[in-house]
Amino acid sequence: QVQVVESGGGLVQAGGSLRLSCTASGSTAGARAMGWFRQAPGKEREGISCIGWSGGNQYYADSVKGRFTISRDNARNTLYLQMNNLKPEDTAMYYCAAHSQLYTFPYCERERFSYWGQGTQVTVPS
């Protein structure tokens, strides 16, 4: 069993930066791919960035590529998302998730992730 808790959201002006953190607990957390998803009002939850269990494979959605950077520190059981050049369309609830299986490729598809946090809100006013 894995539990994840996100932090670091907030209100930031367009062009600004935020870093989200996700702390994972559980003995298998370091062996699971992890990802960041977001959900804006009236829209489906989408995978924006995912990373393999060792950090060696990373995926970015086109909408965030070049602006967001995912990383993980398995010694601290922590996942990060550095978000730069934020835009109003980045406004959403951001969720951290851990993959259902161990040692898998980080396909960034919602149904492959079983362990979810409560989310942290990111707001970028227009």
N, C-alpha and C. Protein backbone atom coordinates (compact mmCIF):
# COMPACT_ATOMS: atom_id res chain seq x y z
N GLN A 1 0.84 -1.19 0.00
CA GLN A 1 0.00 0.00 0.00
C GLN A 1 0.88 1.24 0.00
N VAL A 2 0.47 2.24 -0.77
CA VAL A 2 1.23 3.48 -0.88
C VAL A 2 0.28 4.65 -0.62
N GLN A 3 0.76 5.59 0.13
CA GLN A 3 0.02 6.84 0.33
C GLN A 3 0.86 7.99 -0.19
N VAL A 4 0.20 8.94 -0.85
CA VAL A 4 0.92 10.08 -1.40
C VAL A 4 0.23 11.36 -0.95
N VAL A 5 1.04 12.38 -0.70
CA VAL A 5 0.54 13.66 -0.24
C VAL A 5 1.25 14.76 -1.03
N GLU A 6 0.46 15.59 -1.70
CA GLU A 6 1.02 16.68 -2.49
C GLU A 6 1.12 17.96 -1.68
N SER A 7 2.03 18.83 -2.10
CA SER A 7 2.15 20.16 -1.51
C SER A 7 2.78 21.09 -2.54
N GLY A 8 2.68 22.38 -2.29
CA GLY A 8 3.38 23.35 -3.11
C GLY A 8 2.53 24.16 -4.07
N GLY A 9 1.25 23.87 -4.12
CA GLY A 9 0.39 24.65 -5.02
C GLY A 9 0.19 26.07 -4.49
N GLY A 10 -0.46 26.89 -5.30
CA GLY A 10 -0.73 28.25 -4.88
C GLY A 10 -1.15 29.11 -6.06
N LEU A 11 -1.17 30.40 -5.81
CA LEU A 11 -1.52 31.37 -6.84
C LEU A 11 -0.24 32.04 -7.32
N VAL A 12 -0.06 32.07 -8.61
CA VAL A 12 1.15 32.65 -9.18
C VAL A 12 0.78 33.39 -10.46
N GLN A 13 1.45 34.49 -10.71
CA GLN A 13 1.18 35.26 -11.91
C GLN A 13 1.71 34.56 -13.15
N ALA A 14 1.11 34.84 -14.26
CA ALA A 14 1.56 34.27 -15.52
C ALA A 14 3.05 34.57 -15.74
N GLY A 15 3.77 33.55 -16.17
CA GLY A 15 5.20 33.67 -16.35
C GLY A 15 6.01 33.26 -15.13
N GLY A 16 5.32 33.06 -14.02
CA GLY A 16 6.00 32.68 -12.79
C GLY A 16 6.26 31.19 -12.69
N SER A 17 6.78 30.77 -11.53
CA SER A 17 7.17 29.39 -11.31
C SER A 17 6.62 28.86 -9.98
N LEU A 18 6.43 27.58 -9.95
CA LEU A 18 6.06 26.86 -8.72
C LEU A 18 6.75 25.51 -8.75
N ARG A 19 7.00 24.96 -7.58
CA ARG A 19 7.48 23.59 -7.49
C ARG A 19 6.53 22.80 -6.62
N LEU A 20 5.96 21.77 -7.21
CA LEU A 20 5.11 20.86 -6.46
C LEU A 20 5.95 19.71 -5.91
N SER A 21 5.57 19.26 -4.74
CA SER A 21 6.22 18.10 -4.13
C SER A 21 5.18 17.06 -3.79
N CYS A 22 5.60 15.82 -3.78
CA CYS A 22 4.72 14.71 -3.42
C CYS A 22 5.53 13.73 -2.59
N THR A 23 5.10 13.54 -1.37
CA THR A 23 5.77 12.60 -0.49
C THR A 23 5.00 11.29 -0.50
N ALA A 24 5.71 10.21 -0.76
CA ALA A 24 5.09 8.89 -0.83
C ALA A 24 5.53 8.05 0.35
N SER A 25 4.60 7.36 0.96
CA SER A 25 4.94 6.45 2.05
C SER A 25 4.59 5.03 1.64
N GLY A 26 5.26 4.07 2.26
CA GLY A 26 5.06 2.67 1.90
C GLY A 26 6.34 2.07 1.38
N SER A 27 6.56 0.83 1.71
CA SER A 27 7.84 0.19 1.41
C SER A 27 8.10 0.03 -0.08
N THR A 28 7.06 0.07 -0.91
CA THR A 28 7.25 -0.13 -2.35
C THR A 28 7.22 1.17 -3.15
N ALA A 29 7.14 2.30 -2.47
CA ALA A 29 7.00 3.57 -3.20
C ALA A 29 8.15 3.80 -4.17
N GLY A 30 9.35 3.49 -3.75
CA GLY A 30 10.51 3.71 -4.58
C GLY A 30 10.61 2.79 -5.77
N ALA A 31 9.76 1.77 -5.83
CA ALA A 31 9.78 0.80 -6.92
C ALA A 31 8.67 1.03 -7.93
N ARG A 32 7.97 2.13 -7.80
CA ARG A 32 6.82 2.40 -8.67
C ARG A 32 7.05 3.64 -9.53
N ALA A 33 6.61 3.55 -10.77
CA ALA A 33 6.53 4.76 -11.58
C ALA A 33 5.55 5.71 -10.89
N MET A 34 5.79 7.01 -11.07
CA MET A 34 4.91 7.99 -10.47
C MET A 34 4.58 9.07 -11.48
N GLY A 35 3.52 9.79 -11.21
CA GLY A 35 3.13 10.79 -12.20
C GLY A 35 2.39 11.95 -11.59
N TRP A 36 2.33 13.01 -12.37
CA TRP A 36 1.53 14.18 -12.05
C TRP A 36 0.39 14.28 -13.06
N PHE A 37 -0.79 14.47 -12.52
CA PHE A 37 -1.99 14.64 -13.33
C PHE A 37 -2.63 15.96 -12.93
N ARG A 38 -3.48 16.49 -13.80
CA ARG A 38 -4.19 17.70 -13.43
C ARG A 38 -5.62 17.65 -13.96
N GLN A 39 -6.48 18.36 -13.28
CA GLN A 39 -7.87 18.40 -13.68
C GLN A 39 -8.40 19.82 -13.51
N ALA A 40 -8.79 20.40 -14.62
CA ALA A 40 -9.40 21.73 -14.61
C ALA A 40 -10.91 21.57 -14.52
N PRO A 41 -11.62 22.58 -14.04
CA PRO A 41 -13.08 22.48 -13.93
C PRO A 41 -13.72 22.14 -15.27
N GLY A 42 -14.58 21.12 -15.25
CA GLY A 42 -15.28 20.71 -16.45
C GLY A 42 -14.48 19.88 -17.41
N LYS A 43 -13.27 19.53 -17.03
CA LYS A 43 -12.42 18.73 -17.91
C LYS A 43 -12.02 17.43 -17.24
N GLU A 44 -11.56 16.49 -18.06
CA GLU A 44 -11.10 15.22 -17.52
C GLU A 44 -9.70 15.37 -16.92
N ARG A 45 -9.38 14.46 -16.01
CA ARG A 45 -8.05 14.44 -15.44
C ARG A 45 -7.07 13.93 -16.50
N GLU A 46 -5.99 14.67 -16.69
CA GLU A 46 -5.02 14.31 -17.71
C GLU A 46 -3.63 14.12 -17.10
N GLY A 47 -2.91 13.18 -17.68
CA GLY A 47 -1.52 12.96 -17.27
C GLY A 47 -0.62 13.97 -17.93
N ILE A 48 0.12 14.72 -17.15
CA ILE A 48 0.99 15.73 -17.73
C ILE A 48 2.46 15.37 -17.67
N SER A 49 2.85 14.55 -16.69
CA SER A 49 4.23 14.12 -16.61
C SER A 49 4.34 12.90 -15.73
N CYS A 50 5.11 11.92 -16.20
CA CYS A 50 5.31 10.70 -15.44
C CYS A 50 6.77 10.31 -15.50
N ILE A 51 7.21 9.55 -14.50
CA ILE A 51 8.62 9.19 -14.39
C ILE A 51 8.74 7.76 -13.91
N GLY A 52 9.73 7.06 -14.46
CA GLY A 52 9.95 5.68 -14.06
C GLY A 52 10.45 5.57 -12.64
N TRP A 53 10.45 4.33 -12.13
CA TRP A 53 10.79 4.12 -10.74
C TRP A 53 12.21 4.55 -10.42
N SER A 54 13.11 4.45 -11.40
CA SER A 54 14.50 4.86 -11.17
C SER A 54 14.77 6.28 -11.61
N GLY A 55 13.77 6.93 -12.22
CA GLY A 55 13.96 8.28 -12.73
C GLY A 55 14.48 8.33 -14.15
N GLY A 56 14.74 7.16 -14.74
CA GLY A 56 15.38 7.14 -16.04
C GLY A 56 14.48 7.37 -17.23
N ASN A 57 13.19 7.15 -17.09
CA ASN A 57 12.25 7.38 -18.18
C ASN A 57 11.28 8.46 -17.77
N GLN A 58 11.07 9.43 -18.64
CA GLN A 58 10.18 10.53 -18.32
C GLN A 58 9.27 10.82 -19.51
N TYR A 59 8.07 11.21 -19.18
CA TYR A 59 7.08 11.57 -20.19
C TYR A 59 6.53 12.95 -19.86
N TYR A 60 6.31 13.74 -20.92
CA TYR A 60 5.67 15.03 -20.76
C TYR A 60 4.58 15.20 -21.80
N ALA A 61 3.45 15.69 -21.38
CA ALA A 61 2.41 16.07 -22.34
C ALA A 61 2.90 17.27 -23.15
N ASP A 62 2.43 17.37 -24.37
CA ASP A 62 2.86 18.46 -25.24
C ASP A 62 2.58 19.82 -24.61
N SER A 63 1.51 19.90 -23.84
CA SER A 63 1.11 21.18 -23.27
C SER A 63 2.09 21.72 -22.24
N VAL A 64 2.95 20.86 -21.68
CA VAL A 64 3.88 21.30 -20.64
C VAL A 64 5.33 21.08 -21.02
N LYS A 65 5.56 20.44 -22.14
CA LYS A 65 6.93 20.11 -22.55
C LYS A 65 7.74 21.39 -22.71
N GLY A 66 8.94 21.38 -22.13
CA GLY A 66 9.81 22.55 -22.20
C GLY A 66 9.59 23.55 -21.08
N ARG A 67 8.51 23.38 -20.34
CA ARG A 67 8.21 24.30 -19.23
C ARG A 67 8.24 23.60 -17.87
N PHE A 68 7.82 22.34 -17.85
CA PHE A 68 7.76 21.57 -16.61
C PHE A 68 8.86 20.53 -16.59
N THR A 69 9.37 20.24 -15.39
CA THR A 69 10.39 19.21 -15.22
C THR A 69 10.01 18.31 -14.05
N ILE A 70 9.95 17.02 -14.32
CA ILE A 70 9.65 16.05 -13.27
C ILE A 70 10.94 15.44 -12.76
N SER A 71 10.99 15.15 -11.48
CA SER A 71 12.15 14.48 -10.90
C SER A 71 11.71 13.75 -9.64
N ARG A 72 12.56 12.86 -9.18
CA ARG A 72 12.24 12.15 -7.95
C ARG A 72 13.51 11.91 -7.16
N ASP A 73 13.35 11.82 -5.85
CA ASP A 73 14.43 11.52 -4.92
C ASP A 73 13.97 10.32 -4.10
N ASN A 74 14.40 9.15 -4.51
CA ASN A 74 13.92 7.94 -3.84
C ASN A 74 14.45 7.83 -2.41
N ALA A 75 15.55 8.45 -2.12
CA ALA A 75 16.06 8.44 -0.75
C ALA A 75 15.12 9.18 0.19
N ARG A 76 14.42 10.16 -0.36
CA ARG A 76 13.44 10.92 0.43
C ARG A 76 12.01 10.54 0.09
N ASN A 77 11.84 9.55 -0.79
CA ASN A 77 10.49 9.15 -1.22
C ASN A 77 9.67 10.35 -1.67
N THR A 78 10.29 11.22 -2.44
CA THR A 78 9.64 12.45 -2.86
C THR A 78 9.70 12.63 -4.36
N LEU A 79 8.58 13.05 -4.91
CA LEU A 79 8.44 13.37 -6.33
C LEU A 79 8.27 14.87 -6.45
N TYR A 80 8.85 15.45 -7.50
CA TYR A 80 8.77 16.89 -7.70
C TYR A 80 8.23 17.20 -9.10
N LEU A 81 7.65 18.38 -9.20
CA LEU A 81 7.30 18.93 -10.51
C LEU A 81 7.66 20.41 -10.48
N GLN A 82 8.73 20.76 -11.20
CA GLN A 82 9.11 22.16 -11.34
C GLN A 82 8.35 22.74 -12.51
N MET A 83 7.58 23.78 -12.25
CA MET A 83 6.74 24.38 -13.28
C MET A 83 7.21 25.81 -13.52
N ASN A 84 7.67 26.06 -14.71
CA ASN A 84 8.15 27.39 -15.10
C ASN A 84 7.26 27.98 -16.19
N ASN A 85 7.34 29.28 -16.34
CA ASN A 85 6.58 29.99 -17.38
C ASN A 85 5.10 29.57 -17.34
N LEU A 86 4.53 29.65 -16.18
CA LEU A 86 3.15 29.21 -16.01
C LEU A 86 2.19 30.10 -16.78
N LYS A 87 1.13 29.46 -17.27
CA LYS A 87 0.13 30.13 -18.08
C LYS A 87 -1.25 29.98 -17.44
N PRO A 88 -2.18 30.85 -17.77
CA PRO A 88 -3.53 30.71 -17.20
C PRO A 88 -4.14 29.33 -17.47
N GLU A 89 -3.82 28.74 -18.60
CA GLU A 89 -4.37 27.41 -18.92
C GLU A 89 -3.77 26.30 -18.07
N ASP A 90 -2.77 26.61 -17.27
CA ASP A 90 -2.23 25.63 -16.33
C ASP A 90 -3.05 25.58 -15.04
N THR A 91 -4.00 26.46 -14.89
CA THR A 91 -4.85 26.47 -13.69
C THR A 91 -5.62 25.16 -13.59
N ALA A 92 -5.45 24.47 -12.47
CA ALA A 92 -6.08 23.17 -12.27
C ALA A 92 -5.75 22.66 -10.89
N MET A 93 -6.42 21.58 -10.51
CA MET A 93 -6.01 20.80 -9.35
C MET A 93 -4.98 19.80 -9.84
N TYR A 94 -3.85 19.75 -9.16
CA TYR A 94 -2.76 18.86 -9.54
C TYR A 94 -2.69 17.69 -8.57
N TYR A 95 -2.61 16.50 -9.14
CA TYR A 95 -2.60 15.27 -8.36
C TYR A 95 -1.31 14.49 -8.61
N CYS A 96 -0.81 13.92 -7.54
CA CYS A 96 0.31 12.98 -7.61
C CYS A 96 -0.27 11.58 -7.54
N ALA A 97 0.35 10.65 -8.25
CA ALA A 97 -0.14 9.27 -8.23
C ALA A 97 1.01 8.30 -8.37
N ALA A 98 0.82 7.12 -7.77
CA ALA A 98 1.80 6.05 -7.87
C ALA A 98 1.20 4.90 -8.68
N HIS A 99 2.06 4.28 -9.49
CA HIS A 99 1.61 3.24 -10.40
C HIS A 99 1.10 2.01 -9.66
N SER A 100 0.20 1.29 -10.32
CA SER A 100 -0.39 0.09 -9.71
C SER A 100 0.62 -1.03 -9.55
N GLN A 101 1.59 -1.11 -10.46
CA GLN A 101 2.54 -2.23 -10.45
C GLN A 101 3.95 -1.73 -10.18
N LEU A 102 4.82 -2.67 -9.86
CA LEU A 102 6.21 -2.35 -9.57
C LEU A 102 7.06 -2.43 -10.83
N TYR A 103 8.09 -1.58 -10.88
CA TYR A 103 9.12 -1.65 -11.92
C TYR A 103 8.56 -1.65 -13.34
N THR A 104 7.59 -0.77 -13.58
CA THR A 104 7.00 -0.70 -14.90
C THR A 104 7.41 0.58 -15.62
N PHE A 105 7.23 0.58 -16.93
CA PHE A 105 7.46 1.78 -17.72
C PHE A 105 6.38 2.79 -17.35
N PRO A 106 6.76 4.07 -17.29
CA PRO A 106 5.80 5.07 -16.81
C PRO A 106 4.81 5.56 -17.86
N TYR A 107 4.01 4.60 -18.42
CA TYR A 107 2.92 5.06 -19.29
C TYR A 107 2.04 5.99 -18.48
N CYS A 108 1.82 7.18 -19.04
CA CYS A 108 1.15 8.23 -18.25
C CYS A 108 -0.35 8.19 -18.49
N GLU A 109 -0.94 7.05 -18.18
CA GLU A 109 -2.37 6.86 -18.38
C GLU A 109 -3.03 6.66 -17.03
N ARG A 110 -4.06 7.39 -16.83
CA ARG A 110 -4.71 7.45 -15.53
C ARG A 110 -5.06 6.06 -14.99
N GLU A 111 -5.54 5.17 -15.81
CA GLU A 111 -6.01 3.87 -15.32
C GLU A 111 -4.88 2.97 -14.83
N ARG A 112 -3.64 3.34 -15.11
CA ARG A 112 -2.50 2.53 -14.67
C ARG A 112 -2.05 2.90 -13.25
N PHE A 113 -2.65 3.94 -12.69
CA PHE A 113 -2.23 4.43 -11.37
C PHE A 113 -3.33 4.16 -10.35
N SER A 114 -2.92 3.59 -9.22
CA SER A 114 -3.90 3.20 -8.20
C SER A 114 -3.89 4.06 -6.96
N TYR A 115 -2.79 4.74 -6.72
CA TYR A 115 -2.63 5.44 -5.45
C TYR A 115 -2.56 6.94 -5.74
N TRP A 116 -3.53 7.66 -5.19
CA TRP A 116 -3.71 9.08 -5.51
C TRP A 116 -3.69 9.94 -4.27
N GLY A 117 -3.16 11.14 -4.42
CA GLY A 117 -3.24 12.11 -3.36
C GLY A 117 -4.53 12.91 -3.46
N GLN A 118 -4.67 13.85 -2.55
CA GLN A 118 -5.88 14.67 -2.50
C GLN A 118 -5.82 15.87 -3.45
N GLY A 119 -4.65 16.17 -3.93
CA GLY A 119 -4.51 17.25 -4.89
C GLY A 119 -4.06 18.55 -4.25
N THR A 120 -3.44 19.38 -5.06
CA THR A 120 -3.04 20.72 -4.64
C THR A 120 -3.40 21.69 -5.78
N GLN A 121 -4.01 22.79 -5.41
CA GLN A 121 -4.54 23.72 -6.42
C GLN A 121 -3.45 24.66 -6.92
N VAL A 122 -3.39 24.80 -8.23
CA VAL A 122 -2.52 25.79 -8.88
C VAL A 122 -3.41 26.75 -9.65
N THR A 123 -3.25 28.03 -9.37
CA THR A 123 -4.06 29.04 -10.04
C THR A 123 -3.15 30.10 -10.67
N VAL A 124 -3.36 30.32 -11.96
CA VAL A 124 -2.60 31.33 -12.70
C VAL A 124 -3.62 32.28 -13.30
N PRO A 125 -3.80 33.44 -12.70
CA PRO A 125 -4.83 34.37 -13.20
C PRO A 125 -4.49 34.88 -14.60
N SER A 126 -5.54 35.11 -15.37
CA SER A 126 -5.32 35.66 -16.73
C SER A 126 -5.28 37.17 -16.70
